[in-house]
Structures are given as structure tokens and as C-alpha cells.
PDB file of N, CA and C in Angstrom:
ATOM      1  N   MET A   1     -93.232  34.389  81.782  1.00  0.00           N
ATOM      2  CA  MET A   1     -93.012  33.133  82.344  1.00  0.00           C
ATOM      3  C   MET A   1     -93.006  33.368  83.929  1.00  0.00           C
ATOM      4  N   GLY A   2     -93.417  32.430  84.560  1.00  0.00           N
ATOM      5  CA  GLY A   2     -93.480  32.599  86.094  1.00  0.00           C
ATOM      6  C   GLY A   2     -94.706  31.948  86.584  1.00  0.00           C
ATOM      7  N   ILE A   3     -95.273  32.454  87.693  1.00  0.00           N
ATOM      8  CA  ILE A   3     -96.382  31.886  88.365  1.00  0.00           C
ATOM      9  C   ILE A   3     -97.608  32.912  88.173  1.00  0.00           C
ATOM     10  N   VAL A   4     -98.712  32.377  87.792  1.00  0.00           N
ATOM     11  CA  VAL A   4     -99.779  33.209  87.557  1.00  0.00           C
ATOM     12  C   VAL A   4    -101.058  32.755  88.599  1.00  0.00           C
ATOM     13  N   GLN A   5    -101.739  33.761  88.985  1.00  0.00           N
ATOM     14  CA  GLN A   5    -102.814  33.470  89.817  1.00  0.00           C
ATOM     15  C   GLN A   5    -104.080  33.021  88.981  1.00  0.00           C
ATOM     16  N   LEU A   6    -104.612  31.876  89.356  1.00  0.00           N
ATOM     17  CA  LEU A   6    -105.722  31.325  88.754  1.00  0.00           C
ATOM     18  C   LEU A   6    -106.819  31.956  89.172  1.00  0.00           C
ATOM     19  N   ARG A   7    -107.816  32.343  88.437  1.00  0.00           N
ATOM     20  CA  ARG A   7    -109.143  32.865  88.756  1.00  0.00           C
ATOM     21  C   ARG A   7    -109.896  31.879  89.190  1.00  0.00           C
ATOM     22  N   LEU A   8    -110.708  31.992  90.332  1.00  0.00           N
ATOM     23  CA  LEU A   8    -111.684  30.917  90.645  1.00  0.00           C
ATOM     24  C   LEU A   8    -112.985  31.589  90.967  1.00  0.00           C
ATOM     25  N   ASP A   9    -114.005  30.809  91.237  1.00  0.00           N
ATOM     26  CA  ASP A   9    -115.338  31.227  91.514  1.00  0.00           C
ATOM     27  C   ASP A   9    -115.332  32.201  92.827  1.00  0.00           C
ATOM     28  N   VAL A  10    -116.364  33.023  92.976  1.00  0.00           N
ATOM     29  CA  VAL A  10    -116.445  33.980  93.968  1.00  0.00           C
ATOM     30  C   VAL A  10    -116.612  33.189  95.378  1.00  0.00           C
ATOM     31  N   LYS A  11    -117.174  31.928  95.190  1.00  0.00           N
ATOM     32  CA  LYS A  11    -117.524  31.091  96.346  1.00  0.00           C
ATOM     33  C   LYS A  11    -116.224  30.636  97.166  1.00  0.00           C
ATOM     34  N   THR A  12    -115.226  30.378  96.318  1.00  0.00           N
ATOM     35  CA  THR A  12    -113.913  29.911  97.173  1.00  0.00           C
ATOM     36  C   THR A  12    -113.219  31.210  97.642  1.00  0.00           C
ATOM     37  N   TYR A  13    -112.469  30.956  98.722  1.00  0.00           N
ATOM     38  CA  TYR A  13    -111.758  31.962  99.411  1.00  0.00           C
ATOM     39  C   TYR A  13    -110.176  31.862  99.159  1.00  0.00           C
ATOM     40  N   HIS A  14    -109.734  30.887  98.826  1.00  0.00           N
ATOM     41  CA  HIS A  14    -108.292  30.482  98.601  1.00  0.00           C
ATOM     42  C   HIS A  14    -107.836  30.842  97.216  1.00  0.00           C
ATOM     43  N   VAL A  15    -106.542  31.228  97.169  1.00  0.00           N
ATOM     44  CA  VAL A  15    -105.981  31.469  95.937  1.00  0.00           C
ATOM     45  C   VAL A  15    -105.050  30.432  95.402  1.00  0.00           C
ATOM     46  N   ILE A  16    -105.084  29.964  94.178  1.00  0.00           N
ATOM     47  CA  ILE A  16    -104.217  28.889  93.639  1.00  0.00           C
ATOM     48  C   ILE A  16    -103.267  29.610  92.551  1.00  0.00           C
ATOM     49  N   PHE A  17    -102.018  29.367  92.660  1.00  0.00           N
ATOM     50  CA  PHE A  17    -101.088  29.685  91.780  1.00  0.00           C
ATOM     51  C   PHE A  17    -100.592  28.649  90.884  1.00  0.00           C
ATOM     52  N   VAL A  18    -100.539  28.919  89.705  1.00  0.00           N
ATOM     53  CA  VAL A  18    -100.272  27.844  88.655  1.00  0.00           C
ATOM     54  C   VAL A  18     -99.237  28.138  87.700  1.00  0.00           C
ATOM     55  N   ASN A  19     -98.557  27.209  86.968  1.00  0.00           N
ATOM     56  CA  ASN A  19     -97.572  27.445  86.124  1.00  0.00           C
ATOM     57  C   ASN A  19     -98.016  28.280  84.969  1.00  0.00           C
ATOM     58  N   SER A  20     -97.420  29.349  84.581  1.00  0.00           N
ATOM     59  CA  SER A  20     -97.780  30.374  83.616  1.00  0.00           C
ATOM     60  C   SER A  20     -98.099  29.688  82.169  1.00  0.00           C
ATOM     61  N   ARG A  21     -97.264  28.630  81.926  1.00  0.00           N
ATOM     62  CA  ARG A  21     -97.329  27.985  80.588  1.00  0.00           C
ATOM     63  C   ARG A  21     -98.569  26.967  80.637  1.00  0.00           C
ATOM     64  N   GLN A  22     -99.116  26.648  81.689  1.00  0.00           N
ATOM     65  CA  GLN A  22    -100.209  25.911  81.777  1.00  0.00           C
ATOM     66  C   GLN A  22    -101.683  26.619  81.884  1.00  0.00           C
ATOM     67  N   TYR A  23    -101.381  27.930  82.273  1.00  0.00           N
ATOM     68  CA  TYR A  23    -102.656  28.814  82.517  1.00  0.00           C
ATOM     69  C   TYR A  23    -103.719  28.809  81.353  1.00  0.00           C
ATOM     70  N   GLU A  24    -103.119  29.071  80.221  1.00  0.00           N
ATOM     71  CA  GLU A  24    -104.081  29.178  79.047  1.00  0.00           C
ATOM     72  C   GLU A  24    -104.907  27.806  78.914  1.00  0.00           C
ATOM     73  N   ARG A  25    -104.094  26.948  78.913  1.00  0.00           N
ATOM     74  CA  ARG A  25    -104.862  25.573  78.626  1.00  0.00           C
ATOM     75  C   ARG A  25    -105.679  25.143  79.839  1.00  0.00           C
ATOM     76  N   ILE A  26    -105.448  25.569  81.009  1.00  0.00           N
ATOM     77  CA  ILE A  26    -106.476  25.149  82.037  1.00  0.00           C
ATOM     78  C   ILE A  26    -107.779  25.975  81.781  1.00  0.00           C
ATOM     79  N   LEU A  27    -107.635  27.284  81.292  1.00  0.00           N
ATOM     80  CA  LEU A  27    -108.808  28.183  80.925  1.00  0.00           C
ATOM     81  C   LEU A  27    -109.655  27.437  79.845  1.00  0.00           C
ATOM     82  N   LYS A  28    -108.801  26.930  78.818  1.00  0.00           N
ATOM     83  CA  LYS A  28    -109.501  26.491  77.655  1.00  0.00           C
ATOM     84  C   LYS A  28    -110.356  25.141  77.965  1.00  0.00           C
ATOM     85  N   ARG A  29    -109.705  24.259  78.963  1.00  0.00           N
ATOM     86  CA  ARG A  29    -110.294  23.078  79.355  1.00  0.00           C
ATOM     87  C   ARG A  29    -111.536  23.378  80.145  1.00  0.00           C
ATOM     88  N   ARG A  30    -111.472  24.272  81.013  1.00  0.00           N
ATOM     89  CA  ARG A  30    -112.716  24.803  81.901  1.00  0.00           C
ATOM     90  C   ARG A  30    -113.678  25.078  80.856  1.00  0.00           C
ATOM     91  N   ALA A  31    -113.387  25.947  79.791  1.00  0.00           N
ATOM     92  CA  ALA A  31    -114.499  26.391  78.874  1.00  0.00           C
ATOM     93  C   ALA A  31    -115.145  25.082  78.082  1.00  0.00           C
ATOM     94  N   ALA A  32    -114.242  24.209  77.701  1.00  0.00           N
ATOM     95  CA  ALA A  32    -114.615  22.871  77.044  1.00  0.00           C
ATOM     96  C   ALA A  32    -115.643  22.086  77.848  1.00  0.00           C
ATOM     97  N   ARG A  33    -115.176  22.080  79.233  1.00  0.00           N
ATOM     98  CA  ARG A  33    -116.113  21.231  80.152  1.00  0.00           C
ATOM     99  C   ARG A  33    -117.403  21.861  80.415  1.00  0.00           C
ATOM    100  N   GLN A  34    -117.420  23.299  80.468  1.00  0.00           N
ATOM    101  CA  GLN A  34    -118.614  24.042  80.648  1.00  0.00           C
ATOM    102  C   GLN A  34    -119.566  23.751  79.443  1.00  0.00           C
ATOM    103  N   LYS A  35    -119.049  23.876  78.299  1.00  0.00           N
ATOM    104  CA  LYS A  35    -119.834  23.521  76.966  1.00  0.00           C
ATOM    105  C   LYS A  35    -120.481  22.203  77.032  1.00  0.00           C
ATOM    106  N   MET A  36    -119.528  21.187  77.443  1.00  0.00           N
ATOM    107  CA  MET A  36    -120.166  19.803  77.314  1.00  0.00           C
ATOM    108  C   MET A  36    -121.148  19.683  78.435  1.00  0.00           C
ATOM    109  N   LEU A  37    -121.162  20.321  79.588  1.00  0.00           N
ATOM    110  CA  LEU A  37    -122.100  20.265  80.626  1.00  0.00           C
ATOM    111  C   LEU A  37    -123.315  20.800  80.141  1.00  0.00           C
ATOM    112  N   ALA A  38    -123.244  21.967  79.375  1.00  0.00           N
ATOM    113  CA  ALA A  38    -124.427  22.729  78.846  1.00  0.00           C
ATOM    114  C   ALA A  38    -125.133  21.910  77.914  1.00  0.00           C
ATOM    115  N   GLU A  39    -124.358  21.138  77.016  1.00  0.00           N
ATOM    116  CA  GLU A  39    -124.931  20.193  75.993  1.00  0.00           C
ATOM    117  C   GLU A  39    -125.420  18.888  76.518  1.00  0.00           C
ATOM    118  N   GLY A  40    -125.270  18.591  77.713  1.00  0.00           N
ATOM    119  CA  GLY A  40    -125.632  17.362  78.309  1.00  0.00           C
ATOM    120  C   GLY A  40    -124.729  16.134  78.073  1.00  0.00           C
ATOM    121  N   ARG A  41    -123.556  16.380  77.570  1.00  0.00           N
ATOM    122  CA  ARG A  41    -122.630  15.287  77.122  1.00  0.00           C
ATOM    123  C   ARG A  41    -121.779  14.828  78.179  1.00  0.00           C
ATOM    124  N   LEU A  42    -121.697  15.556  79.305  1.00  0.00           N
ATOM    125  CA  LEU A  42    -120.848  15.307  80.392  1.00  0.00           C
ATOM    126  C   LEU A  42    -121.623  15.197  81.740  1.00  0.00           C
ATOM    127  N   SER A  43    -121.459  14.059  82.489  1.00  0.00           N
ATOM    128  CA  SER A  43    -122.241  13.965  83.634  1.00  0.00           C
ATOM    129  C   SER A  43    -121.526  14.924  84.744  1.00  0.00           C
ATOM    130  N   LYS A  44    -122.513  15.542  85.692  1.00  0.00           N
ATOM    131  CA  LYS A  44    -122.206  16.265  86.790  1.00  0.00           C
ATOM    132  C   LYS A  44    -121.314  15.493  87.883  1.00  0.00           C
ATOM    133  N   LYS A  45    -121.649  14.212  88.043  1.00  0.00           N
ATOM    134  CA  LYS A  45    -121.070  13.508  88.965  1.00  0.00           C
ATOM    135  C   LYS A  45    -119.889  12.710  88.447  1.00  0.00           C
ATOM    136  N   ARG A  46    -118.732  12.797  89.114  1.00  0.00           N
ATOM    137  CA  ARG A  46    -117.467  12.158  88.872  1.00  0.00           C
ATOM    138  C   ARG A  46    -117.217  11.016  89.506  1.00  0.00           C
ATOM    139  N   GLN A  47    -116.506   9.920  88.959  1.00  0.00           N
ATOM    140  CA  GLN A  47    -116.125   8.789  89.581  1.00  0.00           C
ATOM    141  C   GLN A  47    -115.096   9.071  90.788  1.00  0.00           C
ATOM    142  N   LYS A  48    -115.105   8.320  91.916  1.00  0.00           N
ATOM    143  CA  LYS A  48    -114.239   8.687  92.990  1.00  0.00           C
ATOM    144  C   LYS A  48    -112.915   8.120  92.590  1.00  0.00           C
ATOM    145  N   TYR A  49    -112.548   7.042  91.936  1.00  0.00           N
ATOM    146  CA  TYR A  49    -111.534   6.393  91.481  1.00  0.00           C
ATOM    147  C   TYR A  49    -111.797   5.612  90.212  1.00  0.00           C
ATOM    148  N   LEU A  50    -110.609   5.204  89.616  1.00  0.00           N
ATOM    149  CA  LEU A  50    -110.802   4.339  88.360  1.00  0.00           C
ATOM    150  C   LEU A  50    -110.835   2.865  88.551  1.00  0.00           C
ATOM    151  N   TYR A  51    -109.858   2.401  89.450  1.00  0.00           N
ATOM    152  CA  TYR A  51    -109.635   1.129  89.610  1.00  0.00           C
ATOM    153  C   TYR A  51    -109.888   0.484  91.077  1.00  0.00           C
ATOM    154  N   GLU A  52    -110.773  -0.352  91.419  1.00  0.00           N
ATOM    155  CA  GLU A  52    -111.076  -0.824  92.513  1.00  0.00           C
ATOM    156  C   GLU A  52    -109.906  -1.371  93.206  1.00  0.00           C
ATOM    157  N   SER A  53    -109.142  -2.210  92.724  1.00  0.00           N
ATOM    158  CA  SER A  53    -108.014  -2.773  93.201  1.00  0.00           C
ATOM    159  C   SER A  53    -106.957  -1.903  93.927  1.00  0.00           C
ATOM    160  N   ARG A  54    -106.594  -0.805  92.988  1.00  0.00           N
ATOM    161  CA  ARG A  54    -105.748   0.109  93.500  1.00  0.00           C
ATOM    162  C   ARG A  54    -106.270   0.880  94.733  1.00  0.00           C
ATOM    163  N   HIS A  55    -107.527   1.132  94.695  1.00  0.00           N
ATOM    164  CA  HIS A  55    -108.285   1.822  95.724  1.00  0.00           C
ATOM    165  C   HIS A  55    -108.161   1.062  97.052  1.00  0.00           C
ATOM    166  N   ILE A  56    -108.464  -0.335  96.901  1.00  0.00           N
ATOM    167  CA  ILE A  56    -108.366  -1.192  98.007  1.00  0.00           C
ATOM    168  C   ILE A  56    -106.779  -1.280  98.631  1.00  0.00           C
ATOM    169  N   HIS A  57    -105.931  -1.343  97.650  1.00  0.00           N
ATOM    170  CA  HIS A  57    -104.517  -1.447  98.080  1.00  0.00           C
ATOM    171  C   HIS A  57    -104.038  -0.092  98.849  1.00  0.00           C
ATOM    172  N   ALA A  58    -104.559   1.073  98.374  1.00  0.00           N
ATOM    173  CA  ALA A  58    -104.142   2.312  99.165  1.00  0.00           C
ATOM    174  C   ALA A  58    -104.811   2.402 100.392  1.00  0.00           C
ATOM    175  N   LEU A  59    -106.053   1.759 100.387  1.00  0.00           N
ATOM    176  CA  LEU A  59    -106.663   1.879 101.818  1.00  0.00           C
ATOM    177  C   LEU A  59    -105.874   0.918 102.881  1.00  0.00           C
ATOM    178  N   ARG A  60    -105.400  -0.077 102.543  1.00  0.00           N
ATOM    179  CA  ARG A  60    -104.632  -0.994 103.398  1.00  0.00           C
ATOM    180  C   ARG A  60    -103.368  -0.541 103.770  1.00  0.00           C
ATOM    181  N   ARG A  61    -102.678   0.420 102.991  1.00  0.00           N
ATOM    182  CA  ARG A  61    -101.316   0.807 103.249  1.00  0.00           C
ATOM    183  C   ARG A  61    -101.316   1.717 104.405  1.00  0.00           C
ATOM    184  N   SER A  62    -100.255   1.606 105.384  1.00  0.00           N
ATOM    185  CA  SER A  62    -100.093   2.278 106.580  1.00  0.00           C
ATOM    186  C   SER A  62     -99.773   3.914 106.115  1.00  0.00           C
ATOM    187  N   ARG A  63    -100.186   4.707 106.956  1.00  0.00           N
ATOM    188  CA  ARG A  63    -100.000   6.137 106.580  1.00  0.00           C
ATOM    189  C   ARG A  63     -99.182   6.841 107.814  1.00  0.00           C
ATOM    190  N   GLY A  64     -98.530   7.900 107.499  1.00  0.00           N
ATOM    191  CA  GLY A  64     -97.816   8.504 108.705  1.00  0.00           C
ATOM    192  C   GLY A  64     -98.845   9.653 109.236  1.00  0.00           C
ATOM    193  N   GLU A  65     -98.124  10.300 110.033  1.00  0.00           N
ATOM    194  CA  GLU A  65     -98.923  11.541 110.680  1.00  0.00           C
ATOM    195  C   GLU A  65     -99.594  12.535 109.761  1.00  0.00           C
ATOM    196  N   GLU A  66     -98.778  12.847 108.803  1.00  0.00           N
ATOM    197  CA  GLU A  66     -99.369  13.813 107.618  1.00  0.00           C
ATOM    198  C   GLU A  66    -100.289  13.194 106.593  1.00  0.00           C
ATOM    199  N   GLY A  67    -100.575  11.967 106.704  1.00  0.00           N
ATOM    200  CA  GLY A  67    -101.471  11.285 105.835  1.00  0.00           C
ATOM    201  C   GLY A  67    -100.576  10.662 104.606  1.00  0.00           C
ATOM    202  N   ARG A  68     -99.389  10.920 104.590  1.00  0.00           N
ATOM    203  CA  ARG A  68     -98.502  10.262 103.518  1.00  0.00           C
ATOM    204  C   ARG A  68     -98.299   8.806 103.653  1.00  0.00           C
ATOM    205  N   PHE A  69     -98.058   8.042 102.610  1.00  0.00           N
ATOM    206  CA  PHE A  69     -97.719   6.606 102.888  1.00  0.00           C
ATOM    207  C   PHE A  69     -96.437   6.440 103.608  1.00  0.00           C
ATOM    208  N   LYS A  70     -96.331   5.379 104.422  1.00  0.00           N
ATOM    209  CA  LYS A  70     -94.986   5.139 105.018  1.00  0.00           C
ATOM    210  C   LYS A  70     -94.303   4.298 104.067  1.00  0.00           C
ATOM    211  N   ALA A  71     -92.901   4.339 104.234  1.00  0.00           N
ATOM    212  CA  ALA A  71     -92.100   3.411 103.337  1.00  0.00           C
ATOM    213  C   ALA A  71     -92.196   2.075 103.788  1.00  0.00           C
ATOM    214  N   SER A  72     -92.320   1.078 102.849  1.00  0.00           N
ATOM    215  CA  SER A  72     -92.453  -0.246 103.247  1.00  0.00           C
ATOM    216  C   SER A  72     -91.338  -0.826 103.979  1.00  0.00           C
ATOM    217  N   THR A  73     -90.085  -0.438 103.541  1.00  0.00           N
ATOM    218  CA  THR A  73     -88.917  -0.824 104.219  1.00  0.00           C
ATOM    219  C   THR A  73     -88.122   0.360 104.537  1.00  0.00           C
ATOM    220  N   PRO A  74     -87.396   0.343 105.748  1.00  0.00           N
ATOM    221  CA  PRO A  74     -86.626   1.516 106.072  1.00  0.00           C
ATOM    222  C   PRO A  74     -85.537   1.609 105.095  1.00  0.00           C
ATOM    223  N   THR A  75     -85.100   2.723 104.757  1.00  0.00           N
ATOM    224  CA  THR A  75     -84.016   3.057 103.779  1.00  0.00           C
ATOM    225  C   THR A  75     -82.744   2.938 104.483  1.00  0.00           C
ATOM    226  N   THR A  76     -81.787   2.335 104.022  1.00  0.00           N
ATOM    227  CA  THR A  76     -80.382   2.058 104.432  1.00  0.00           C
ATOM    228  C   THR A  76     -79.386   2.577 103.376  1.00  0.00           C
ATOM    229  N   PRO A  77     -78.244   3.270 103.843  1.00  0.00           N
ATOM    230  CA  PRO A  77     -77.263   3.407 102.586  1.00  0.00           C
ATOM    231  C   PRO A  77     -76.776   2.101 102.097  1.00  0.00           C
ATOM    232  N   LEU A  78     -76.376   2.272 100.808  1.00  0.00           N
ATOM    233  CA  LEU A  78     -75.966   0.990 100.118  1.00  0.00           C
ATOM    234  C   LEU A  78     -74.580   0.741 100.533  1.00  0.00           C
ATOM    235  N   THR A  79     -74.234  -0.324 100.985  1.00  0.00           N
ATOM    236  CA  THR A  79     -72.787  -0.746 101.266  1.00  0.00           C
ATOM    237  C   THR A  79     -72.410  -1.935 100.523  1.00  0.00           C
ATOM    238  N   SER A  80     -71.159  -1.933 100.092  1.00  0.00           N
ATOM    239  CA  SER A  80     -70.537  -3.102  99.338  1.00  0.00           C
ATOM    240  C   SER A  80     -70.151  -4.261 100.227  1.00  0.00           C
ATOM    241  N   THR A  81     -70.359  -5.399  99.902  1.00  0.00           N
ATOM    242  CA  THR A  81     -69.899  -6.549 100.579  1.00  0.00           C
ATOM    243  C   THR A  81     -68.604  -7.070 100.020  1.00  0.00           C
ATOM    244  N   CYS A  82     -68.024  -6.404  98.956  1.00  0.00           N
ATOM    245  CA  CYS A  82     -66.915  -6.747  98.280  1.00  0.00           C
ATOM    246  C   CYS A  82     -65.707  -6.251  99.251  1.00  0.00           C
ATOM    247  N   ASP A  83     -64.699  -7.226  99.507  1.00  0.00           N
ATOM    248  CA  ASP A  83     -63.621  -6.722 100.192  1.00  0.00           C
ATOM    249  C   ASP A  83     -62.387  -6.494  99.347  1.00  0.00           C
ATOM    250  N   ARG A  84     -62.604  -6.313  98.050  1.00  0.00           N
ATOM    251  CA  ARG A  84     -61.491  -5.944  97.126  1.00  0.00           C
ATOM    252  C   ARG A  84     -61.054  -4.565  96.866  1.00  0.00           C
ATOM    253  N   GLY A  85     -61.881  -3.682  97.477  1.00  0.00           N
ATOM    254  CA  GLY A  85     -61.474  -2.209  97.312  1.00  0.00           C
ATOM    255  C   GLY A  85     -62.723  -1.472  97.449  1.00  0.00           C
ATOM    256  N   ALA A  86     -62.718  -0.301  96.837  1.00  0.00           N
ATOM    257  CA  ALA A  86     -63.935   0.575  96.816  1.00  0.00           C
ATOM    258  C   ALA A  86     -65.022   0.149  96.070  1.00  0.00           C
ATOM    259  N   PRO A  87     -66.159   0.317  96.487  1.00  0.00           N
ATOM    260  CA  PRO A  87     -67.290  -0.275  95.721  1.00  0.00           C
ATOM    261  C   PRO A  87     -67.392   0.414  94.210  1.00  0.00           C
ATOM    262  N   GLY A  88     -67.566  -0.615  93.355  1.00  0.00           N
ATOM    263  CA  GLY A  88     -67.738  -0.110  91.892  1.00  0.00           C
ATOM    264  C   GLY A  88     -66.310  -0.241  91.295  1.00  0.00           C
ATOM    265  N   ILE A  89     -65.363  -0.224  91.950  1.00  0.00           N
ATOM    266  CA  ILE A  89     -63.868  -0.260  91.348  1.00  0.00           C
ATOM    267  C   ILE A  89     -63.403  -1.791  91.383  1.00  0.00           C
ATOM    268  N   VAL A  90     -62.993  -2.179  90.167  1.00  0.00           N
ATOM    269  CA  VAL A  90     -62.692  -3.696  90.088  1.00  0.00           C
ATOM    270  C   VAL A  90     -61.224  -3.860  89.619  1.00  0.00           C
ATOM    271  N   LYS A  91     -60.269  -4.348  90.424  1.00  0.00           N
ATOM    272  CA  LYS A  91     -59.007  -4.612  90.092  1.00  0.00           C
ATOM    273  C   LYS A  91     -58.764  -5.955  89.380  1.00  0.00           C
ATOM    274  N   GLU A  92     -58.028  -5.699  88.132  1.00  0.00           N
ATOM    275  CA  GLU A  92     -57.987  -6.969  87.396  1.00  0.00           C
ATOM    276  C   GLU A  92     -57.317  -8.130  88.086  1.00  0.00           C
ATOM    277  N   GLU A  93     -56.341  -7.997  88.959  1.00  0.00           N
ATOM    278  CA  GLU A  93     -55.648  -8.961  89.479  1.00  0.00           C
ATOM    279  C   GLU A  93     -56.407  -9.621  90.585  1.00  0.00           C
ATOM    280  N   ALA A  94     -57.534  -8.925  91.038  1.00  0.00           N
ATOM    281  CA  ALA A  94     -58.400  -9.332  92.209  1.00  0.00           C
ATOM    282  C   ALA A  94     -59.521 -10.132  91.736  1.00  0.00           C
ATOM    283  N   VAL A  95     -59.681 -10.206  90.342  1.00  0.00           N
ATOM    284  CA  VAL A  95     -60.841 -10.804  89.948  1.00  0.00           C
ATOM    285  C   VAL A  95     -60.487 -12.266  89.246  1.00  0.00           C
ATOM    286  N   ALA A  96     -60.762 -13.329  89.924  1.00  0.00           N
ATOM    287  CA  ALA A  96     -60.355 -14.566  89.342  1.00  0.00           C
ATOM    288  C   ALA A  96     -61.298 -15.092  88.114  1.00  0.00           C
ATOM    289  N   ASP A  97     -62.628 -14.889  88.449  1.00  0.00           N
ATOM    290  CA  ASP A  97     -63.503 -15.152  87.438  1.00  0.00           C
ATOM    291  C   ASP A  97     -64.029 -13.893  86.806  1.00  0.00           C
ATOM    292  N   PRO A  98     -63.825 -13.637  85.523  1.00  0.00           N
ATOM    293  CA  PRO A  98     -64.310 -12.374  84.815  1.00  0.00           C
ATOM    294  C   PRO A  98     -65.943 -12.088  85.034  1.00  0.00           C
ATOM    295  N   LEU A  99     -66.555 -13.105  85.269  1.00  0.00           N
ATOM    296  CA  LEU A  99     -67.999 -12.915  85.462  1.00  0.00           C
ATOM    297  C   LEU A  99     -68.520 -12.452  86.815  1.00  0.00           C
ATOM    298  N   GLU A 100     -67.433 -12.642  87.647  1.00  0.00           N
ATOM    299  CA  GLU A 100     -67.616 -12.387  89.144  1.00  0.00           C
ATOM    300  C   GLU A 100     -67.162 -10.922  89.525  1.00  0.00           C
ATOM    301  N   ILE A 101     -68.078 -10.090  89.493  1.00  0.00           N
ATOM    302  CA  ILE A 101     -67.660  -8.558  89.817  1.00  0.00           C
ATOM    303  C   ILE A 101     -68.547  -8.052  90.937  1.00  0.00           C
ATOM    304  N   CYS A 102     -68.005  -7.399  91.777  1.00  0.00           N
ATOM    305  CA  CYS A 102     -68.682  -6.761  92.905  1.00  0.00           C
ATOM    306  C   CYS A 102     -69.562  -5.751  92.468  1.00  0.00           C
TER     307      CYS A 102
END
């Protein structure tokens, strides 16, 4: 178990490390893909994306400096508006209506 170096074509210069549990399955899938290409059952050109609406949505979202999507709302710590004690703790004498819980 651990990390295994994935063998790539001679054309590529970078090394990819993969999960050792997934390594055999990756090689098996590559062999199956090569076989389907040789038989002509698989097209050489792949689709860029599956759904047009998701692609357009992703294009419209704002991105940060590293290319990641920015958060739609700034994250703030959760605070309780309940003045009856600590958040999540309910005192029996403080609750007039049993359905009204902070």
C-alpha cells in the first residue's frame, strides 16, 4: 500500500503518483480504451463537457487569483441570537413555548 509512480508515455516529462489501490485498475482501463480505439468503437475526440448549462454557469462565476471559484458569500462564524444561555443548550424554565427552541 502507498503511492505508486504511474508509467506514462515517453513524450511526457512529468511524473504522476497515484494511489496504489487504484494503479491496477488504471492500467486495465487504459488497455480497454486502447482495444476499443483499435476496433473503432471509441472516437478519438472527446467532449469538452457534458452539460451546456453547467458550463455556462461555471464561465460566469468569478474566480480568484489561483483560478479557483470565489465563495459566493463571505463565511462568518455562527453565532446564536438566543439570550437564554449557551447556543444549543436549552433551559426548561427559559422555554415558555416548547416548540420555540434556539
